[in-house]
Amino acid sequence: MNYLAHSFLSFANEPILFGQFIADDIKGSQWKTWPPNIQQGILLHRFIDDFTDNHPLLLELRKRLHPTLGKFAGVVLDVLFDHALSLRWEQHSKLSREEWIQNTYLQLQQRYHEMSEKRKFILSAMIRHDWMNMYGTAEGTSQILQQMSRRISLDNPLHSSFKAFETHQTDILSAFDEFFPEILFKSRRKLDIFAP
């Protein structure tokens, strides 16, 4: 799950969205220093990542991608699932994808002053290049993977990794169609548990 999916799994709840967006910067028990509703977003993000990383269906899919992508298979699959969500958007949302994305950008911009310098940089780049809309096309998703490749100092296969989607499209979309309703249900349930 990447930026688009994590925003979708915030269920249009602005503090949850913000918590999810900053979660990768929050180490250990630092989440406890944030207000309760943002804590929920941070912990939800961790739950989603853990559930995704350990789901048998996705473990099998990563194993299938491993021969060409190696240790980057999981990273690529996260991006490809955002592409899959874009392709399947109307099955999961009454709002248009464009409207959802613009609302997400606006809500995150309103909390810009609360972000670390790293998150500010990421958000600025995300909005400037409209990353979330790029997931909607094969060309845009491929460009995102190429950009990721350039940001990694080690040799990596990300520059050409969209080929994995072209090669395994049926398996990836089938896995997404099975997995996404499950993570939607689990995430909603998790927020119910978090609620006071």
Foldseek 3Di string as FASTA:
>chain_A
DDLLLLLVLLVLDLLLNLLLLQLVVQDDPNLVVDPLSSSLNNVLNVVLVVCQVPPPLNVVVLVVLCVQFNPCSVVLLVLLLLLLCLVCVVVPDPDHQVVSLVSSLVSNVVCLVVHDPVSVVVSVVCVVVVLSVLSPDLVSSLVVQLVVCVVDPDHGDSNPSSVSCVVCVVSSSVSSVVVVVVSSVVSVVSVVVSDD
